[in-house]
Amino acid sequence: MSRPTQHHPTAAATAVILLLLAVSPAPSGADPDDERCLSSLQQSLSGLRNWSKASFSAPCEGFISHLQGVTCNNGRVYKLSLPGLSLAGTIPPDLSNCTNLQSLDLSSNALSGAIPPELSGLLNLAVLNLSANRLSGAIPRDLARCAYLNVIDLHANQLTGSIPDELGLLVRLSTFDVSYNRLSGPIPVLLANRSGTTGRFNATSFVGNKDLYGYPLPPMPGHALSVLAIVGIGLGSGLLSLVLSFSARVISERS
């Protein structure tokens, strides 16, 4: 009685199996940085729908997101888009833990407080839209560290202080809007960047800040008058000095 033939896997079949095992995605949990980021956002903001702590442990499955407003890319949080949801609260500093984030849109809500300087840790960020909120305080100068920024939209808030000169160093910046805030001081030269009759950003990016001045905004009447007054005082002082000097000379010669 003959023994049944035993079939052994060939070298080619073994290689195929090993290749399939190598390219198959291994199951993994959420990135701990993303989990901290999303957890802090949920704790800081009211009005987020369908956000639960259970979802933070696995917000992304490849390119699939399990949270409203979250877009995933290869298992990491790639985009946060939560505009016009009547969200209230403050922007948490720990949002900077979403280190793969390339777009952050929290516009048209009721957010208050300052823009955290820690957002400068989002080194991959290309779009920052925090417009139409109630944000106050200064624009963080450290945002200039986000070298990939294409869009900074902060219009219609209550921001104060000057526009940081460092933002003019963002060479990829194509949209910049800080209109209708409470900003003051001169517009940074590198943001205006006058070339002939055209500037890098036009006046619509800066209007609505009564104490902000410089190109491309039209001259401020009060500012222009103060300059004229200073010039007039200087000329008057010089003329008075000449008259007094001449009078003293005449008196000296007569004596």
Protein backbone atom coordinates (compact mmCIF):
# COMPACT_ATOMS: atom_id res chain seq x y z
CA MET A 1 0.00 0.00 0.00
CA SER A 2 1.50 3.26 -1.14
CA ARG A 3 1.81 6.20 1.24
CA PRO A 4 -0.11 9.37 0.31
CA THR A 5 2.02 12.00 -1.28
CA GLN A 6 2.85 14.87 1.10
CA HIS A 7 2.97 18.34 -0.41
CA HIS A 8 5.50 20.71 1.11
CA PRO A 9 5.29 24.45 0.48
CA THR A 10 7.73 25.55 -2.15
CA ALA A 11 10.21 28.33 -1.59
CA ALA A 12 8.12 30.62 -3.81
CA ALA A 13 4.95 30.02 -1.77
CA THR A 14 6.83 30.67 1.46
CA ALA A 15 8.14 33.94 0.07
CA VAL A 16 4.61 35.05 -0.88
CA ILE A 17 3.31 34.29 2.63
CA LEU A 18 6.15 36.23 4.25
CA LEU A 19 5.52 39.17 1.92
CA LEU A 20 1.83 39.26 2.78
CA LEU A 21 2.64 39.23 6.48
CA ALA A 22 5.09 42.08 6.01
CA VAL A 23 2.66 44.39 4.19
CA SER A 24 -0.38 43.59 6.34
CA PRO A 25 -1.07 46.43 8.78
CA ALA A 26 -0.45 45.42 12.35
CA PRO A 27 -3.21 46.33 14.78
CA SER A 28 -2.25 49.25 16.96
CA GLY A 29 -3.86 51.65 19.37
CA ALA A 30 -4.16 55.39 18.99
CA ASP A 31 -1.09 57.53 19.04
CA PRO A 32 -0.81 58.74 22.65
CA ASP A 33 -0.09 62.30 21.49
CA ASP A 34 -3.30 62.42 19.45
CA GLU A 35 -5.23 60.98 22.37
CA ARG A 36 -3.96 63.72 24.72
CA CYS A 37 -4.68 66.36 22.10
CA LEU A 38 -8.29 65.30 21.51
CA SER A 39 -8.97 64.71 25.20
CA SER A 40 -7.82 68.23 26.07
CA LEU A 41 -9.99 69.70 23.32
CA GLN A 42 -13.05 67.84 24.57
CA GLN A 43 -12.42 69.06 28.13
CA SER A 44 -11.90 72.68 27.07
CA LEU A 45 -14.83 73.09 24.67
CA SER A 46 -18.54 72.69 25.19
CA GLY A 47 -20.81 71.76 22.32
CA LEU A 48 -18.80 68.95 20.75
CA ARG A 49 -21.21 66.30 19.53
CA ASN A 50 -20.45 62.59 19.42
CA TRP A 51 -17.14 63.07 21.21
CA SER A 52 -16.63 60.52 23.95
CA LYS A 53 -13.54 59.40 25.82
CA ALA A 54 -13.92 55.93 24.34
CA SER A 55 -13.36 57.42 20.88
CA PHE A 56 -10.10 59.11 21.92
CA SER A 57 -8.40 55.76 22.44
CA ALA A 58 -8.93 54.94 18.75
CA PRO A 59 -9.96 58.09 16.83
CA CYS A 60 -8.45 56.85 13.58
CA GLU A 61 -8.45 53.53 11.77
CA GLY A 62 -6.18 54.06 8.82
CA PHE A 63 -7.92 56.83 6.89
CA ILE A 64 -11.25 56.35 8.69
CA SER A 65 -12.21 58.75 11.50
CA HIS A 66 -14.56 57.95 14.37
CA LEU A 67 -14.94 61.56 15.57
CA GLN A 68 -16.90 64.45 14.12
CA GLY A 69 -14.66 67.00 12.44
CA VAL A 70 -11.55 64.80 12.51
CA THR A 71 -9.83 63.71 9.31
CA CYS A 72 -7.29 60.89 9.54
CA ASN A 73 -4.25 60.01 7.49
CA ASN A 74 -2.50 56.70 8.05
CA GLY A 75 -3.82 56.40 11.60
CA ARG A 76 -2.94 59.95 12.70
CA VAL A 77 -5.10 63.05 13.14
CA TYR A 78 -4.46 65.07 9.99
CA LYS A 79 -7.18 67.73 10.08
CA LEU A 80 -9.51 69.27 12.67
CA SER A 81 -12.47 71.08 11.11
CA LEU A 82 -15.13 72.29 13.57
CA PRO A 83 -16.48 75.59 12.17
CA GLY A 84 -19.85 77.09 13.02
CA LEU A 85 -20.83 74.65 15.77
CA SER A 86 -21.48 77.20 18.55
CA LEU A 87 -18.52 75.83 20.48
CA ALA A 88 -17.61 77.74 23.64
CA GLY A 89 -14.52 77.63 25.81
CA THR A 90 -10.81 78.16 25.30
CA ILE A 91 -8.21 76.67 22.97
CA PRO A 92 -6.15 74.22 25.06
CA PRO A 93 -2.33 74.35 24.90
CA ASP A 94 -2.29 70.54 24.64
CA LEU A 95 -3.75 70.86 21.16
CA SER A 96 -0.09 71.02 20.16
CA ASN A 97 0.12 67.26 20.83
CA CYS A 98 -1.59 66.60 17.48
CA THR A 99 1.85 66.78 15.88
CA ASN A 100 0.69 65.54 12.44
CA LEU A 101 -2.01 68.20 12.19
CA GLN A 102 -1.94 70.13 8.92
CA SER A 103 -5.22 72.04 9.13
CA LEU A 104 -7.00 73.57 12.14
CA ASP A 105 -10.35 75.28 11.59
CA LEU A 106 -12.28 76.43 14.67
CA SER A 107 -13.84 79.45 12.97
CA SER A 108 -17.28 80.97 13.59
CA ASN A 109 -17.73 79.72 17.14
CA ALA A 110 -17.73 81.46 20.54
CA LEU A 111 -14.19 80.68 21.67
CA SER A 112 -12.59 83.07 24.15
CA GLY A 113 -9.24 83.58 25.83
CA ALA A 114 -5.82 83.75 24.24
CA ILE A 115 -4.28 81.91 21.30
CA PRO A 116 -1.88 79.49 23.03
CA PRO A 117 1.77 80.05 22.07
CA GLU A 118 2.11 76.25 22.23
CA LEU A 119 0.39 76.03 18.84
CA SER A 120 3.81 76.87 17.43
CA GLY A 121 4.64 73.22 18.14
CA LEU A 122 2.38 72.19 15.24
CA LEU A 123 5.29 72.24 12.81
CA ASN A 124 3.30 70.60 9.98
CA LEU A 125 0.44 73.11 10.16
CA ALA A 126 -0.51 74.69 6.82
CA VAL A 127 -3.94 76.19 7.63
CA LEU A 128 -4.87 78.06 10.82
CA ASN A 129 -8.39 79.49 10.85
CA LEU A 130 -9.60 80.88 14.18
CA SER A 131 -11.70 83.69 12.71
CA ALA A 132 -15.05 84.97 13.98
CA ASN A 133 -14.61 84.08 17.65
CA ARG A 134 -14.00 86.12 20.81
CA LEU A 135 -10.29 85.49 21.15
CA SER A 136 -8.27 88.13 22.98
CA GLY A 137 -4.66 88.89 23.83
CA ALA A 138 -1.67 89.02 21.52
CA ILE A 139 -0.90 87.11 18.33
CA PRO A 140 1.86 84.67 19.34
CA ARG A 141 5.09 85.55 17.56
CA ASP A 142 6.19 81.91 17.83
CA LEU A 143 3.67 80.99 15.12
CA ALA A 144 6.50 81.92 12.76
CA ARG A 145 8.01 78.53 13.67
CA CYS A 146 5.23 76.87 11.65
CA ALA A 147 7.12 77.24 8.39
CA TYR A 148 4.48 75.46 6.26
CA LEU A 149 1.69 77.91 7.07
CA ASN A 150 -0.21 78.96 3.94
CA VAL A 151 -3.24 80.45 5.69
CA ILE A 152 -3.56 82.52 8.88
CA ASP A 153 -7.11 83.79 9.35
CA LEU A 154 -7.76 85.56 12.65
CA HIS A 155 -10.28 88.17 11.54
CA ALA A 156 -13.27 89.24 13.66
CA ASN A 157 -11.83 88.61 17.11
CA GLN A 158 -10.71 90.89 19.95
CA LEU A 159 -6.96 90.52 19.55
CA THR A 160 -4.73 93.30 20.88
CA GLY A 161 -1.12 94.39 20.60
CA SER A 162 0.98 94.58 17.48
CA ILE A 163 1.34 92.20 14.55
CA PRO A 164 4.57 90.24 15.12
CA ASP A 165 7.26 91.10 12.58
CA GLU A 166 8.29 87.44 12.53
CA LEU A 167 5.11 86.45 10.66
CA GLY A 168 6.50 88.23 7.62
CA LEU A 169 9.17 85.53 7.42
CA LEU A 170 6.57 82.87 6.50
CA VAL A 171 7.40 82.62 2.80
CA ARG A 172 4.55 80.17 2.01
CA LEU A 173 1.90 82.47 3.48
CA SER A 174 -0.68 83.24 0.78
CA THR A 175 -3.66 84.25 2.94
CA PHE A 176 -3.35 86.54 5.95
CA ASP A 177 -6.35 88.23 7.59
CA VAL A 178 -6.34 90.05 10.93
CA SER A 179 -9.09 92.52 10.05
CA TYR A 180 -11.62 93.70 12.64
CA ASN A 181 -9.64 93.20 15.81
CA ARG A 182 -8.12 95.71 18.23
CA LEU A 183 -4.57 95.62 16.95
CA SER A 184 -2.26 98.61 17.08
CA GLY A 185 1.09 99.82 15.81
CA PRO A 186 2.69 99.60 12.37
CA ILE A 187 2.03 96.87 9.84
CA PRO A 188 5.23 94.80 9.50
CA VAL A 189 7.18 95.70 6.39
CA LEU A 190 7.58 92.06 5.31
CA LEU A 191 3.80 91.56 5.32
CA ALA A 192 3.21 94.71 3.28
CA ASN A 193 6.28 94.11 1.08
CA ARG A 194 5.47 96.94 -1.30
CA SER A 195 6.64 96.19 -4.84
CA GLY A 196 5.71 98.95 -7.24
CA THR A 197 1.98 99.51 -6.70
CA THR A 198 1.28 96.01 -5.35
CA GLY A 199 1.72 94.72 -1.82
CA ARG A 200 1.96 91.19 -0.49
CA PHE A 201 -1.42 91.58 1.26
CA ASN A 202 -3.90 94.35 0.55
CA ALA A 203 -5.78 96.64 2.93
CA THR A 204 -8.68 94.21 3.44
CA SER A 205 -6.32 92.02 5.50
CA PHE A 206 -5.84 94.83 8.05
CA VAL A 207 -8.96 97.05 8.11
CA GLY A 208 -11.07 97.45 11.24
CA ASN A 209 -8.14 98.02 13.62
CA LYS A 210 -8.37 101.72 14.44
CA ASP A 211 -4.85 101.97 15.91
CA LEU A 212 -3.13 99.98 13.17
CA TYR A 213 -1.29 102.02 10.55
CA GLY A 214 1.11 101.83 7.63
CA TYR A 215 1.01 100.54 4.07
CA PRO A 216 -1.30 99.20 2.63
CA LEU A 217 -3.79 101.08 4.86
CA PRO A 218 -4.57 104.69 3.93
CA PRO A 219 -2.87 107.32 6.10
CA MET A 220 -4.57 107.90 9.44
CA PRO A 221 -5.74 111.55 9.73
CA GLY A 222 -4.76 111.77 13.40
CA HIS A 223 -1.39 110.17 12.73
CA ALA A 224 -0.72 112.50 9.79
CA LEU A 225 -1.62 115.58 11.85
CA SER A 226 0.71 114.54 14.64
CA VAL A 227 3.56 114.19 12.16
CA LEU A 228 2.81 117.63 10.69
CA ALA A 229 2.68 119.10 14.17
CA ILE A 230 6.08 117.64 15.00
CA VAL A 231 7.53 119.01 11.75
CA GLY A 232 5.97 122.42 12.46
CA ILE A 233 7.38 122.52 15.96
CA GLY A 234 10.80 121.61 14.61
CA LEU A 235 10.72 124.31 11.94
CA GLY A 236 9.40 126.88 14.41
CA SER A 237 12.11 126.08 16.92
CA GLY A 238 14.77 126.37 14.25
CA LEU A 239 13.44 129.71 13.03
CA LEU A 240 13.24 131.07 16.58
CA SER A 241 16.85 130.03 17.19
CA LEU A 242 17.96 131.88 14.06
CA VAL A 243 16.07 135.04 15.06
CA LEU A 244 17.52 135.01 18.57
CA SER A 245 21.00 134.38 17.24
CA PHE A 246 20.72 137.22 14.73
CA SER A 247 19.35 139.60 17.38
CA ALA A 248 22.17 138.77 19.78
CA ARG A 249 24.71 139.39 17.03
CA VAL A 250 23.23 142.80 16.15
CA ILE A 251 23.19 143.87 19.80
CA SER A 252 26.79 142.71 20.19
CA GLU A 253 27.95 144.70 17.14
CA ARG A 254 26.20 147.88 18.34
CA SER A 255 27.82 147.53 21.72
